[in-house]
Amino acid sequence: MAVLKKIVSTVFTQFRTRGLLSTVAMNKSHFMGVLRGLFYRLLYFNNIQASLFSIQGNSTIEIFNKRSKISIGKFVFIRKNASIRIDFEGQLLISDKVFINDNCNINCVNKIAIGAYTKIAPNVCINDHDHNYKDGSDEHLLIGEVTIGEHVWIGSNVVILRDTVIGDHAVIAAGSVVKGTVPPHTLFLNKRENKFINFKEHKGLKNTLLQVKESI
């Protein structure tokens, strides 16, 4: 009943601020996303524990092992073209009201936890493992964990690697590669350096650019 009241209240607020047509279009998309969520709950009946959540068009959940588990909290919203893959004894925990934007990838073989109210921008990749390219044995993965706190904002095109802990209320700048510990209430960004080369003053570089241009 509480969930129904929340839905009615949200739709009424949207109607007042967005108008009828926009509200209908938006909630049609949400409704289809909720149906897709129900589909995945039925498809992976023994692997998914979930409340009401939405997963929009072309987004997929793939579970490759009967021991893999995923827990999805209330009002989680996953937009289009996201890919969630879980294998081995992987456990993916997505808490209440997490927002995952377009084209995100989550690959879990051990443990990934995402705290409540965290927002993830487009094109973010989260992995709790690396490929063990130095070792020719059958142990081809280096396995760790990823823990993302509550109320975290993760910018576009971020890559989060294994053995990473991001504290509550942290902000991860767009384009960052994250590995290790990010303290709570901090902004994390990779050091960047802008470099400008005036090719008018570098004849060799100018000739090279001209040759490339002529060969195209």
N, C-alpha and C. Protein backbone atom coordinates (compact mmCIF):
# COMPACT_ATOMS: atom_id res chain seq x y z
N MET A 1 0.82 -1.21 0.00
CA MET A 1 0.00 0.00 0.00
C MET A 1 0.86 1.26 0.00
N ALA A 2 1.94 1.23 0.76
CA ALA A 2 2.83 2.39 0.81
C ALA A 2 3.45 2.66 -0.56
N VAL A 3 3.80 1.58 -1.27
CA VAL A 3 4.36 1.73 -2.61
C VAL A 3 3.34 2.34 -3.56
N LEU A 4 2.08 1.91 -3.48
CA LEU A 4 1.01 2.46 -4.32
C LEU A 4 0.81 3.94 -4.06
N LYS A 5 0.79 4.33 -2.79
CA LYS A 5 0.65 5.74 -2.44
C LYS A 5 1.79 6.58 -3.01
N LYS A 6 3.00 6.02 -2.94
CA LYS A 6 4.17 6.72 -3.48
C LYS A 6 4.03 6.92 -4.98
N ILE A 7 3.55 5.91 -5.69
CA ILE A 7 3.39 6.00 -7.14
C ILE A 7 2.35 7.05 -7.50
N VAL A 8 1.21 7.03 -6.81
CA VAL A 8 0.14 7.99 -7.09
C VAL A 8 0.62 9.41 -6.83
N SER A 9 1.32 9.61 -5.72
CA SER A 9 1.83 10.94 -5.38
C SER A 9 2.82 11.44 -6.42
N THR A 10 3.70 10.55 -6.89
CA THR A 10 4.70 10.92 -7.89
C THR A 10 4.05 11.30 -9.21
N VAL A 11 3.07 10.50 -9.65
CA VAL A 11 2.39 10.79 -10.92
C VAL A 11 1.65 12.11 -10.84
N PHE A 12 1.00 12.39 -9.72
CA PHE A 12 0.27 13.64 -9.56
C PHE A 12 1.22 14.84 -9.61
N THR A 13 2.37 14.70 -8.98
CA THR A 13 3.36 15.79 -9.01
C THR A 13 3.88 16.02 -10.42
N GLN A 14 4.13 14.94 -11.16
CA GLN A 14 4.58 15.07 -12.54
C GLN A 14 3.53 15.75 -13.41
N PHE A 15 2.27 15.39 -13.20
CA PHE A 15 1.19 16.00 -13.97
C PHE A 15 1.15 17.52 -13.76
N ARG A 16 1.34 17.95 -12.54
CA ARG A 16 1.31 19.38 -12.23
C ARG A 16 2.49 20.13 -12.83
N THR A 17 3.66 19.49 -12.87
CA THR A 17 4.86 20.20 -13.32
C THR A 17 5.18 19.99 -14.80
N ARG A 18 4.80 18.83 -15.36
CA ARG A 18 5.19 18.51 -16.73
C ARG A 18 4.06 18.59 -17.74
N GLY A 19 2.82 18.46 -17.28
CA GLY A 19 1.69 18.41 -18.19
C GLY A 19 1.27 16.99 -18.50
N LEU A 20 0.10 16.84 -19.12
CA LEU A 20 -0.50 15.53 -19.33
C LEU A 20 0.31 14.65 -20.28
N LEU A 21 0.65 15.18 -21.48
CA LEU A 21 1.31 14.35 -22.49
C LEU A 21 2.68 13.85 -22.02
N SER A 22 3.46 14.75 -21.43
CA SER A 22 4.79 14.35 -20.95
C SER A 22 4.68 13.33 -19.82
N THR A 23 3.68 13.52 -18.96
CA THR A 23 3.49 12.58 -17.86
C THR A 23 3.10 11.20 -18.37
N VAL A 24 2.21 11.15 -19.36
CA VAL A 24 1.80 9.86 -19.94
C VAL A 24 2.99 9.16 -20.60
N ALA A 25 3.76 9.93 -21.41
CA ALA A 25 4.90 9.33 -22.12
C ALA A 25 5.94 8.80 -21.13
N MET A 26 6.24 9.60 -20.10
CA MET A 26 7.24 9.19 -19.13
C MET A 26 6.82 7.95 -18.37
N ASN A 27 5.58 7.92 -17.93
CA ASN A 27 5.13 6.80 -17.11
C ASN A 27 4.85 5.55 -17.92
N LYS A 28 4.58 5.72 -19.22
CA LYS A 28 4.52 4.55 -20.09
C LYS A 28 5.87 3.86 -20.12
N SER A 29 6.93 4.68 -20.25
CA SER A 29 8.27 4.13 -20.24
C SER A 29 8.59 3.46 -18.90
N HIS A 30 8.20 4.11 -17.80
CA HIS A 30 8.42 3.54 -16.48
C HIS A 30 7.65 2.22 -16.32
N PHE A 31 6.41 2.20 -16.80
CA PHE A 31 5.59 1.00 -16.67
C PHE A 31 6.21 -0.17 -17.41
N MET A 32 6.69 0.09 -18.63
CA MET A 32 7.34 -0.97 -19.39
C MET A 32 8.61 -1.44 -18.69
N GLY A 33 9.32 -0.49 -18.06
CA GLY A 33 10.51 -0.86 -17.32
C GLY A 33 10.21 -1.75 -16.13
N VAL A 34 9.11 -1.45 -15.44
CA VAL A 34 8.69 -2.29 -14.30
C VAL A 34 8.32 -3.69 -14.78
N LEU A 35 7.65 -3.78 -15.92
CA LEU A 35 7.32 -5.10 -16.48
C LEU A 35 8.58 -5.89 -16.82
N ARG A 36 9.58 -5.19 -17.36
CA ARG A 36 10.85 -5.86 -17.65
C ARG A 36 11.52 -6.35 -16.37
N GLY A 37 11.39 -5.53 -15.31
CA GLY A 37 11.92 -5.96 -14.02
C GLY A 37 11.25 -7.22 -13.52
N LEU A 38 9.92 -7.29 -13.67
CA LEU A 38 9.19 -8.49 -13.27
C LEU A 38 9.61 -9.70 -14.12
N PHE A 39 9.85 -9.44 -15.39
CA PHE A 39 10.30 -10.52 -16.28
C PHE A 39 11.61 -11.13 -15.78
N TYR A 40 12.57 -10.27 -15.42
CA TYR A 40 13.85 -10.80 -14.94
C TYR A 40 13.72 -11.49 -13.59
N ARG A 41 12.81 -11.02 -12.77
CA ARG A 41 12.58 -11.71 -11.49
C ARG A 41 12.05 -13.12 -11.71
N LEU A 42 11.18 -13.27 -12.72
CA LEU A 42 10.67 -14.60 -13.04
C LEU A 42 11.71 -15.46 -13.74
N LEU A 43 12.49 -14.83 -14.63
CA LEU A 43 13.49 -15.57 -15.38
C LEU A 43 14.56 -16.15 -14.46
N TYR A 44 15.00 -15.34 -13.48
CA TYR A 44 16.02 -15.78 -12.54
C TYR A 44 15.41 -15.90 -11.14
N PHE A 45 14.40 -16.72 -11.05
CA PHE A 45 13.59 -16.83 -9.83
C PHE A 45 14.43 -17.13 -8.59
N ASN A 46 15.42 -17.99 -8.74
CA ASN A 46 16.22 -18.40 -7.59
C ASN A 46 17.41 -17.49 -7.32
N ASN A 47 17.66 -16.55 -8.22
CA ASN A 47 18.87 -15.73 -8.11
C ASN A 47 18.62 -14.28 -7.73
N ILE A 48 17.41 -13.78 -7.99
CA ILE A 48 17.11 -12.36 -7.78
C ILE A 48 16.17 -12.19 -6.61
N GLN A 49 16.56 -11.33 -5.69
CA GLN A 49 15.67 -10.87 -4.63
C GLN A 49 15.47 -9.37 -4.86
N ALA A 50 14.25 -8.97 -5.10
CA ALA A 50 14.03 -7.59 -5.50
C ALA A 50 12.68 -7.08 -5.05
N SER A 51 12.62 -5.76 -4.87
CA SER A 51 11.37 -5.06 -4.67
C SER A 51 10.95 -4.50 -6.03
N LEU A 52 10.17 -3.45 -6.04
CA LEU A 52 9.72 -2.83 -7.29
C LEU A 52 10.88 -2.04 -7.90
N PHE A 53 11.29 -2.41 -9.12
CA PHE A 53 12.35 -1.67 -9.80
C PHE A 53 12.04 -1.63 -11.29
N SER A 54 12.73 -0.70 -11.98
CA SER A 54 12.49 -0.50 -13.40
C SER A 54 13.79 -0.68 -14.17
N ILE A 55 13.72 -1.43 -15.27
CA ILE A 55 14.87 -1.60 -16.15
C ILE A 55 14.39 -1.37 -17.57
N GLN A 56 14.89 -0.33 -18.22
CA GLN A 56 14.34 0.10 -19.49
C GLN A 56 14.91 -0.66 -20.68
N GLY A 57 14.43 -0.30 -21.87
CA GLY A 57 14.69 -1.04 -23.09
C GLY A 57 16.16 -1.27 -23.38
N ASN A 58 16.48 -2.45 -23.88
CA ASN A 58 17.82 -2.88 -24.28
C ASN A 58 18.78 -3.05 -23.12
N SER A 59 18.33 -2.84 -21.90
CA SER A 59 19.16 -3.17 -20.75
C SER A 59 18.96 -4.64 -20.40
N THR A 60 20.02 -5.27 -19.93
CA THR A 60 19.95 -6.71 -19.69
C THR A 60 20.56 -7.08 -18.34
N ILE A 61 20.01 -8.13 -17.75
CA ILE A 61 20.59 -8.78 -16.58
C ILE A 61 20.89 -10.21 -16.99
N GLU A 62 22.17 -10.61 -16.87
CA GLU A 62 22.57 -11.96 -17.23
C GLU A 62 23.23 -12.61 -16.02
N ILE A 63 22.71 -13.75 -15.62
CA ILE A 63 23.23 -14.51 -14.48
C ILE A 63 23.67 -15.87 -15.00
N PHE A 64 24.95 -16.17 -14.84
CA PHE A 64 25.53 -17.34 -15.49
C PHE A 64 25.82 -18.49 -14.53
N ASN A 65 25.44 -18.37 -13.27
CA ASN A 65 25.73 -19.43 -12.32
C ASN A 65 24.59 -19.53 -11.31
N LYS A 66 24.22 -20.73 -10.95
CA LYS A 66 23.12 -20.90 -10.02
C LYS A 66 23.44 -20.37 -8.63
N ARG A 67 24.74 -20.18 -8.33
CA ARG A 67 25.14 -19.64 -7.02
C ARG A 67 25.23 -18.12 -7.03
N SER A 68 25.10 -17.50 -8.17
CA SER A 68 25.15 -16.04 -8.26
C SER A 68 23.86 -15.44 -7.71
N LYS A 69 23.99 -14.31 -7.03
CA LYS A 69 22.83 -13.66 -6.42
C LYS A 69 22.83 -12.16 -6.70
N ILE A 70 21.64 -11.60 -6.86
CA ILE A 70 21.50 -10.17 -7.01
C ILE A 70 20.34 -9.70 -6.13
N SER A 71 20.57 -8.63 -5.40
CA SER A 71 19.54 -8.03 -4.56
C SER A 71 19.32 -6.60 -5.03
N ILE A 72 18.06 -6.28 -5.35
CA ILE A 72 17.72 -4.95 -5.87
C ILE A 72 16.66 -4.32 -4.96
N GLY A 73 16.97 -3.13 -4.45
CA GLY A 73 16.08 -2.46 -3.50
C GLY A 73 14.91 -1.76 -4.17
N LYS A 74 14.17 -1.02 -3.37
CA LYS A 74 12.96 -0.34 -3.84
C LYS A 74 13.30 0.84 -4.75
N PHE A 75 12.51 0.97 -5.80
CA PHE A 75 12.56 2.12 -6.71
C PHE A 75 13.93 2.31 -7.35
N VAL A 76 14.66 1.24 -7.57
CA VAL A 76 15.87 1.30 -8.37
C VAL A 76 15.46 1.54 -9.83
N PHE A 77 16.19 2.41 -10.50
CA PHE A 77 15.85 2.77 -11.88
C PHE A 77 17.08 2.58 -12.76
N ILE A 78 16.96 1.70 -13.75
CA ILE A 78 18.05 1.40 -14.67
C ILE A 78 17.62 1.83 -16.06
N ARG A 79 18.34 2.74 -16.64
CA ARG A 79 17.95 3.27 -17.95
C ARG A 79 18.41 2.34 -19.08
N LYS A 80 18.44 2.86 -20.31
CA LYS A 80 18.59 2.03 -21.50
C LYS A 80 20.03 1.58 -21.72
N ASN A 81 20.16 0.42 -22.37
CA ASN A 81 21.43 -0.13 -22.85
C ASN A 81 22.43 -0.42 -21.74
N ALA A 82 21.95 -0.63 -20.53
CA ALA A 82 22.84 -1.04 -19.44
C ALA A 82 23.01 -2.55 -19.48
N SER A 83 24.19 -3.02 -19.04
CA SER A 83 24.49 -4.44 -19.03
C SER A 83 24.94 -4.85 -17.64
N ILE A 84 24.24 -5.80 -17.03
CA ILE A 84 24.59 -6.32 -15.72
C ILE A 84 24.86 -7.81 -15.87
N ARG A 85 26.10 -8.22 -15.54
CA ARG A 85 26.48 -9.63 -15.68
C ARG A 85 27.03 -10.13 -14.35
N ILE A 86 26.57 -11.31 -13.94
CA ILE A 86 27.01 -11.92 -12.69
C ILE A 86 27.37 -13.37 -12.96
N ASP A 87 28.51 -13.80 -12.43
CA ASP A 87 28.97 -15.17 -12.66
C ASP A 87 29.61 -15.71 -11.39
N PHE A 88 29.96 -16.98 -11.41
CA PHE A 88 30.57 -17.70 -10.30
C PHE A 88 29.70 -17.52 -9.04
N GLU A 89 30.30 -17.15 -7.93
CA GLU A 89 29.51 -16.93 -6.71
C GLU A 89 29.31 -15.44 -6.45
N GLY A 90 29.20 -14.70 -7.51
CA GLY A 90 29.06 -13.26 -7.42
C GLY A 90 27.81 -12.82 -6.69
N GLN A 91 27.94 -11.74 -5.92
CA GLN A 91 26.81 -11.14 -5.22
C GLN A 91 26.78 -9.65 -5.54
N LEU A 92 25.72 -9.22 -6.19
CA LEU A 92 25.51 -7.82 -6.52
C LEU A 92 24.39 -7.27 -5.66
N LEU A 93 24.70 -6.23 -4.88
CA LEU A 93 23.74 -5.62 -3.97
C LEU A 93 23.49 -4.18 -4.41
N ILE A 94 22.27 -3.90 -4.84
CA ILE A 94 21.89 -2.55 -5.26
C ILE A 94 20.80 -2.07 -4.31
N SER A 95 21.10 -1.05 -3.52
CA SER A 95 20.19 -0.60 -2.48
C SER A 95 19.09 0.31 -3.04
N ASP A 96 18.21 0.78 -2.15
CA ASP A 96 17.02 1.55 -2.53
C ASP A 96 17.38 2.82 -3.31
N LYS A 97 16.56 3.11 -4.32
CA LYS A 97 16.58 4.37 -5.05
C LYS A 97 17.92 4.68 -5.72
N VAL A 98 18.63 3.64 -6.10
CA VAL A 98 19.82 3.82 -6.92
C VAL A 98 19.39 4.12 -8.36
N PHE A 99 20.09 5.05 -9.01
CA PHE A 99 19.81 5.41 -10.40
C PHE A 99 21.02 5.06 -11.25
N ILE A 100 20.79 4.25 -12.29
CA ILE A 100 21.85 3.83 -13.20
C ILE A 100 21.48 4.31 -14.60
N ASN A 101 22.31 5.15 -15.16
CA ASN A 101 21.99 5.80 -16.43
C ASN A 101 22.36 4.91 -17.63
N ASP A 102 22.20 5.46 -18.83
CA ASP A 102 22.38 4.71 -20.08
C ASP A 102 23.80 4.16 -20.22
N ASN A 103 23.88 2.99 -20.87
CA ASN A 103 25.15 2.41 -21.35
C ASN A 103 26.13 2.06 -20.24
N CYS A 104 25.64 1.78 -19.05
CA CYS A 104 26.52 1.37 -17.96
C CYS A 104 26.76 -0.14 -18.00
N ASN A 105 27.93 -0.55 -17.48
CA ASN A 105 28.27 -1.97 -17.42
C ASN A 105 28.70 -2.33 -16.01
N ILE A 106 28.08 -3.37 -15.45
CA ILE A 106 28.45 -3.88 -14.14
C ILE A 106 28.77 -5.36 -14.31
N ASN A 107 30.01 -5.74 -13.98
CA ASN A 107 30.46 -7.12 -14.12
C ASN A 107 30.91 -7.63 -12.77
N CYS A 108 30.22 -8.64 -12.25
CA CYS A 108 30.42 -9.10 -10.89
C CYS A 108 30.68 -10.60 -10.86
N VAL A 109 31.82 -10.99 -10.27
CA VAL A 109 32.08 -12.42 -10.05
C VAL A 109 32.32 -12.71 -8.56
N ASN A 110 32.38 -11.66 -7.74
CA ASN A 110 32.58 -11.85 -6.31
C ASN A 110 31.60 -11.00 -5.51
N LYS A 111 31.85 -9.70 -5.39
CA LYS A 111 30.91 -8.86 -4.65
C LYS A 111 31.02 -7.40 -5.08
N ILE A 112 29.88 -6.84 -5.42
CA ILE A 112 29.74 -5.40 -5.69
C ILE A 112 28.53 -4.92 -4.91
N ALA A 113 28.71 -3.85 -4.13
CA ALA A 113 27.62 -3.28 -3.34
C ALA A 113 27.50 -1.80 -3.68
N ILE A 114 26.28 -1.36 -3.98
CA ILE A 114 25.99 0.04 -4.32
C ILE A 114 24.98 0.56 -3.31
N GLY A 115 25.35 1.60 -2.57
CA GLY A 115 24.52 2.12 -1.50
C GLY A 115 23.32 2.92 -1.97
N ALA A 116 22.38 3.12 -1.07
CA ALA A 116 21.12 3.80 -1.38
C ALA A 116 21.34 5.22 -1.88
N TYR A 117 20.49 5.64 -2.80
CA TYR A 117 20.44 7.00 -3.34
C TYR A 117 21.66 7.35 -4.19
N THR A 118 22.48 6.39 -4.51
CA THR A 118 23.63 6.66 -5.37
C THR A 118 23.16 6.85 -6.81
N LYS A 119 23.78 7.80 -7.50
CA LYS A 119 23.44 8.09 -8.89
C LYS A 119 24.66 7.86 -9.77
N ILE A 120 24.44 7.10 -10.84
CA ILE A 120 25.51 6.70 -11.74
C ILE A 120 25.21 7.26 -13.13
N ALA A 121 26.10 8.07 -13.66
CA ALA A 121 25.92 8.73 -14.95
C ALA A 121 26.17 7.75 -16.10
N PRO A 122 25.96 8.18 -17.35
CA PRO A 122 26.13 7.27 -18.49
C PRO A 122 27.56 6.77 -18.66
N ASN A 123 27.65 5.58 -19.26
CA ASN A 123 28.92 4.99 -19.71
C ASN A 123 29.88 4.66 -18.58
N VAL A 124 29.36 4.31 -17.44
CA VAL A 124 30.20 3.92 -16.30
C VAL A 124 30.40 2.41 -16.30
N CYS A 125 31.64 1.97 -16.03
CA CYS A 125 31.97 0.55 -15.93
C CYS A 125 32.41 0.22 -14.50
N ILE A 126 31.82 -0.82 -13.92
CA ILE A 126 32.17 -1.26 -12.58
C ILE A 126 32.55 -2.74 -12.66
N ASN A 127 33.77 -3.07 -12.21
CA ASN A 127 34.26 -4.44 -12.28
C ASN A 127 34.91 -4.82 -10.96
N ASP A 128 34.59 -6.01 -10.45
CA ASP A 128 35.24 -6.48 -9.24
C ASP A 128 36.37 -7.47 -9.56
N HIS A 129 36.81 -7.49 -10.80
CA HIS A 129 37.87 -8.43 -11.20
C HIS A 129 38.65 -7.87 -12.38
N ASP A 130 39.86 -8.36 -12.53
CA ASP A 130 40.71 -8.07 -13.69
C ASP A 130 41.10 -9.39 -14.34
N HIS A 131 41.56 -9.30 -15.57
CA HIS A 131 42.12 -10.48 -16.24
C HIS A 131 43.58 -10.65 -15.82
N ASN A 132 43.94 -11.84 -15.42
CA ASN A 132 45.29 -12.15 -14.96
C ASN A 132 46.16 -12.48 -16.17
N TYR A 133 46.54 -11.45 -16.92
CA TYR A 133 47.24 -11.68 -18.18
C TYR A 133 48.68 -12.15 -17.98
N LYS A 134 49.22 -12.01 -16.75
CA LYS A 134 50.60 -12.42 -16.49
C LYS A 134 50.72 -13.92 -16.18
N ASP A 135 49.62 -14.55 -15.87
CA ASP A 135 49.64 -15.95 -15.42
C ASP A 135 48.98 -16.83 -16.47
N GLY A 136 49.69 -17.87 -16.90
CA GLY A 136 49.14 -18.75 -17.92
C GLY A 136 48.30 -19.88 -17.36
N SER A 137 48.02 -19.87 -16.06
CA SER A 137 47.25 -20.95 -15.44
C SER A 137 45.76 -20.76 -15.70
N ASP A 138 44.98 -21.71 -15.16
CA ASP A 138 43.53 -21.63 -15.33
C ASP A 138 42.91 -20.49 -14.51
N GLU A 139 43.66 -20.00 -13.52
CA GLU A 139 43.15 -18.88 -12.70
C GLU A 139 43.35 -17.58 -13.48
N HIS A 140 42.45 -17.34 -14.42
CA HIS A 140 42.64 -16.22 -15.34
C HIS A 140 42.07 -14.91 -14.83
N LEU A 141 41.48 -14.90 -13.62
CA LEU A 141 40.91 -13.68 -13.07
C LEU A 141 41.56 -13.32 -11.74
N LEU A 142 41.78 -12.03 -11.55
CA LEU A 142 42.17 -11.49 -10.26
C LEU A 142 40.91 -10.89 -9.63
N ILE A 143 40.49 -11.46 -8.52
CA ILE A 143 39.16 -11.16 -7.98
C ILE A 143 39.26 -10.29 -6.73
N GLY A 144 38.39 -9.29 -6.64
CA GLY A 144 38.31 -8.42 -5.48
C GLY A 144 36.87 -8.05 -5.17
N GLU A 145 36.70 -6.87 -4.60
CA GLU A 145 35.37 -6.37 -4.27
C GLU A 145 35.29 -4.89 -4.62
N VAL A 146 34.04 -4.43 -4.79
CA VAL A 146 33.77 -3.00 -4.96
C VAL A 146 32.64 -2.63 -4.02
N THR A 147 32.88 -1.59 -3.20
CA THR A 147 31.85 -1.09 -2.30
C THR A 147 31.65 0.40 -2.56
N ILE A 148 30.45 0.77 -2.92
CA ILE A 148 30.10 2.16 -3.18
C ILE A 148 29.07 2.58 -2.13
N GLY A 149 29.35 3.67 -1.43
CA GLY A 149 28.50 4.08 -0.32
C GLY A 149 27.18 4.69 -0.74
N GLU A 150 26.52 5.32 0.21
CA GLU A 150 25.23 5.97 -0.04
C GLU A 150 25.42 7.42 -0.51
N HIS A 151 24.45 7.88 -1.31
CA HIS A 151 24.43 9.26 -1.79
C HIS A 151 25.71 9.61 -2.55
N VAL A 152 26.24 8.66 -3.28
CA VAL A 152 27.44 8.89 -4.09
C VAL A 152 27.01 9.34 -5.49
N TRP A 153 27.77 10.27 -6.06
CA TRP A 153 27.54 10.68 -7.45
C TRP A 153 28.74 10.24 -8.27
N ILE A 154 28.48 9.44 -9.31
CA ILE A 154 29.54 8.94 -10.19
C ILE A 154 29.33 9.54 -11.57
N GLY A 155 30.30 10.32 -12.05
CA GLY A 155 30.18 11.04 -13.31
C GLY A 155 30.31 10.13 -14.53
N SER A 156 30.08 10.70 -15.70
CA SER A 156 30.11 9.94 -16.96
C SER A 156 31.49 9.37 -17.24
N ASN A 157 31.51 8.19 -17.88
CA ASN A 157 32.72 7.56 -18.39
C ASN A 157 33.73 7.21 -17.29
N VAL A 158 33.25 6.95 -16.10
CA VAL A 158 34.10 6.52 -15.01
C VAL A 158 34.31 5.00 -15.09
N VAL A 159 35.52 4.55 -14.75
CA VAL A 159 35.82 3.12 -14.64
C VAL A 159 36.19 2.84 -13.18
N ILE A 160 35.47 1.93 -12.54
CA ILE A 160 35.73 1.56 -11.15
C ILE A 160 36.28 0.14 -11.14
N LEU A 161 37.49 -0.02 -10.61
CA LEU A 161 38.19 -1.30 -10.65
C LEU A 161 38.06 -2.05 -9.33
N ARG A 162 38.53 -3.29 -9.33
CA ARG A 162 38.43 -4.15 -8.15
C ARG A 162 39.17 -3.53 -6.97
N ASP A 163 38.77 -3.98 -5.77
CA ASP A 163 39.38 -3.51 -4.52
C ASP A 163 39.23 -2.00 -4.35
N THR A 164 38.03 -1.52 -4.61
CA THR A 164 37.73 -0.10 -4.45
C THR A 164 36.62 0.08 -3.42
N VAL A 165 36.81 1.05 -2.55
CA VAL A 165 35.79 1.45 -1.57
C VAL A 165 35.56 2.95 -1.72
N ILE A 166 34.33 3.33 -2.02
CA ILE A 166 33.97 4.74 -2.16
C ILE A 166 33.04 5.10 -1.02
N GLY A 167 33.43 6.09 -0.23
CA GLY A 167 32.67 6.47 0.95
C GLY A 167 31.39 7.22 0.64
N ASP A 168 30.54 7.33 1.63
CA ASP A 168 29.25 8.03 1.49
C ASP A 168 29.46 9.48 1.04
N HIS A 169 28.54 9.95 0.19
CA HIS A 169 28.50 11.35 -0.26
C HIS A 169 29.74 11.76 -1.06
N ALA A 170 30.51 10.79 -1.55
CA ALA A 170 31.65 11.13 -2.41
C ALA A 170 31.17 11.45 -3.82
N VAL A 171 32.00 12.20 -4.54
CA VAL A 171 31.73 12.55 -5.94
C VAL A 171 32.92 12.09 -6.76
N ILE A 172 32.64 11.33 -7.82
CA ILE A 172 33.69 10.84 -8.71
C ILE A 172 33.60 11.62 -10.01
N ALA A 173 34.64 12.39 -10.32
CA ALA A 173 34.62 13.25 -11.49
C ALA A 173 34.56 12.45 -12.78
N ALA A 174 33.93 13.03 -13.80
CA ALA A 174 33.77 12.36 -15.09
C ALA A 174 35.12 11.95 -15.66
N GLY A 175 35.15 10.75 -16.24
CA GLY A 175 36.35 10.26 -16.90
C GLY A 175 37.40 9.68 -15.98
N SER A 176 37.12 9.56 -14.71
CA SER A 176 38.11 9.06 -13.76
C SER A 176 38.22 7.54 -13.81
N VAL A 177 39.41 7.05 -13.46
CA VAL A 177 39.63 5.62 -13.23
C VAL A 177 39.91 5.47 -11.74
N VAL A 178 39.09 4.67 -11.05
CA VAL A 178 39.13 4.61 -9.59
C VAL A 178 39.59 3.23 -9.13
N LYS A 179 40.60 3.22 -8.27
CA LYS A 179 41.04 1.99 -7.62
C LYS A 179 41.60 2.36 -6.25
N GLY A 180 41.11 1.71 -5.21
CA GLY A 180 41.55 2.04 -3.86
C GLY A 180 40.41 2.63 -3.05
N THR A 181 40.76 3.44 -2.06
CA THR A 181 39.77 4.00 -1.13
C THR A 181 39.54 5.47 -1.40
N VAL A 182 38.27 5.84 -1.55
CA VAL A 182 37.87 7.24 -1.67
C VAL A 182 37.14 7.61 -0.38
N PRO A 183 37.67 8.52 0.43
CA PRO A 183 37.04 8.85 1.70
C PRO A 183 35.66 9.48 1.50
N PRO A 184 34.80 9.41 2.50
CA PRO A 184 33.49 10.06 2.42
C PRO A 184 33.62 11.57 2.24
N HIS A 185 32.61 12.16 1.61
CA HIS A 185 32.52 13.62 1.46
C HIS A 185 33.74 14.20 0.74
N THR A 186 34.25 13.49 -0.26
CA THR A 186 35.37 14.01 -1.02
C THR A 186 35.07 13.94 -2.52
N LEU A 187 35.77 14.81 -3.27
CA LEU A 187 35.72 14.79 -4.72
C LEU A 187 36.97 14.08 -5.22
N PHE A 188 36.78 13.02 -5.98
CA PHE A 188 37.89 12.26 -6.54
C PHE A 188 38.02 12.58 -8.01
N LEU A 189 39.24 12.90 -8.45
CA LEU A 189 39.48 13.08 -9.87
C LEU A 189 40.91 12.71 -10.19
N ASN A 190 41.13 12.17 -11.38
CA ASN A 190 42.48 11.89 -11.85
C ASN A 190 43.14 13.19 -12.30
N LYS A 191 44.44 13.29 -12.06
CA LYS A 191 45.16 14.49 -12.48
C LYS A 191 45.16 14.57 -14.00
N ARG A 192 44.83 15.73 -14.50
CA ARG A 192 44.81 15.94 -15.94
C ARG A 192 45.69 17.14 -16.29
N GLU A 193 46.28 17.07 -17.46
CA GLU A 193 47.12 18.17 -17.92
C GLU A 193 46.76 18.48 -19.37
N ASN A 194 46.36 19.70 -19.62
CA ASN A 194 46.07 20.12 -20.99
C ASN A 194 47.36 20.57 -21.65
N LYS A 195 47.58 20.12 -22.87
CA LYS A 195 48.78 20.48 -23.59
C LYS A 195 48.41 20.97 -24.98
N PHE A 196 48.92 22.12 -25.35
CA PHE A 196 48.62 22.72 -26.65
C PHE A 196 49.93 22.87 -27.42
N ILE A 197 49.94 22.41 -28.67
CA ILE A 197 51.11 22.54 -29.53
C ILE A 197 50.73 23.42 -30.71
N ASN A 198 51.44 24.52 -30.85
CA ASN A 198 51.20 25.43 -31.97
C ASN A 198 51.95 24.89 -33.18
N PHE A 199 51.23 24.23 -34.09
CA PHE A 199 51.90 23.58 -35.20
C PHE A 199 52.43 24.57 -36.23
N LYS A 200 52.04 25.84 -36.15
CA LYS A 200 52.60 26.85 -37.03
C LYS A 200 54.08 27.08 -36.72
N GLU A 201 54.47 26.82 -35.48
CA GLU A 201 55.85 27.02 -35.06
C GLU A 201 56.66 25.74 -35.07
N HIS A 202 56.05 24.64 -35.50
CA HIS A 202 56.72 23.35 -35.55
C HIS A 202 56.59 22.80 -36.97
N LYS A 203 57.58 23.12 -37.82
CA LYS A 203 57.48 22.78 -39.24
C LYS A 203 57.39 21.27 -39.44
N GLY A 204 58.15 20.54 -38.64
CA GLY A 204 58.11 19.08 -38.79
C GLY A 204 56.74 18.52 -38.53
N LEU A 205 56.08 19.00 -37.46
CA LEU A 205 54.74 18.54 -37.14
C LEU A 205 53.75 18.97 -38.20
N LYS A 206 53.95 20.21 -38.73
CA LYS A 206 53.05 20.70 -39.77
C LYS A 206 53.14 19.84 -41.02
N ASN A 207 54.36 19.47 -41.41
CA ASN A 207 54.53 18.62 -42.60
C ASN A 207 53.90 17.25 -42.38
N THR A 208 54.04 16.74 -41.17
CA THR A 208 53.43 15.44 -40.86
C THR A 208 51.91 15.51 -40.99
N LEU A 209 51.33 16.58 -40.46
CA LEU A 209 49.87 16.74 -40.55
C LEU A 209 49.43 16.85 -42.00
N LEU A 210 50.22 17.55 -42.81
CA LEU A 210 49.87 17.69 -44.23
C LEU A 210 49.93 16.33 -44.94
N GLN A 211 50.94 15.53 -44.61
CA GLN A 211 51.04 14.22 -45.22
C GLN A 211 49.88 13.32 -44.84
N VAL A 212 49.46 13.38 -43.56
CA VAL A 212 48.32 12.60 -43.13
C VAL A 212 47.06 13.04 -43.85
N LYS A 213 46.93 14.38 -43.98
CA LYS A 213 45.73 14.92 -44.65
C LYS A 213 45.67 14.48 -46.11
N GLU A 214 46.84 14.47 -46.81
CA GLU A 214 46.85 14.08 -48.21
C GLU A 214 46.58 12.60 -48.41
N SER A 215 46.91 11.80 -47.40
CA SER A 215 46.73 10.35 -47.54
C SER A 215 45.31 9.89 -47.24
N ILE A 216 44.49 10.78 -46.69
CA ILE A 216 43.11 10.41 -46.33
C ILE A 216 42.23 10.46 -47.59
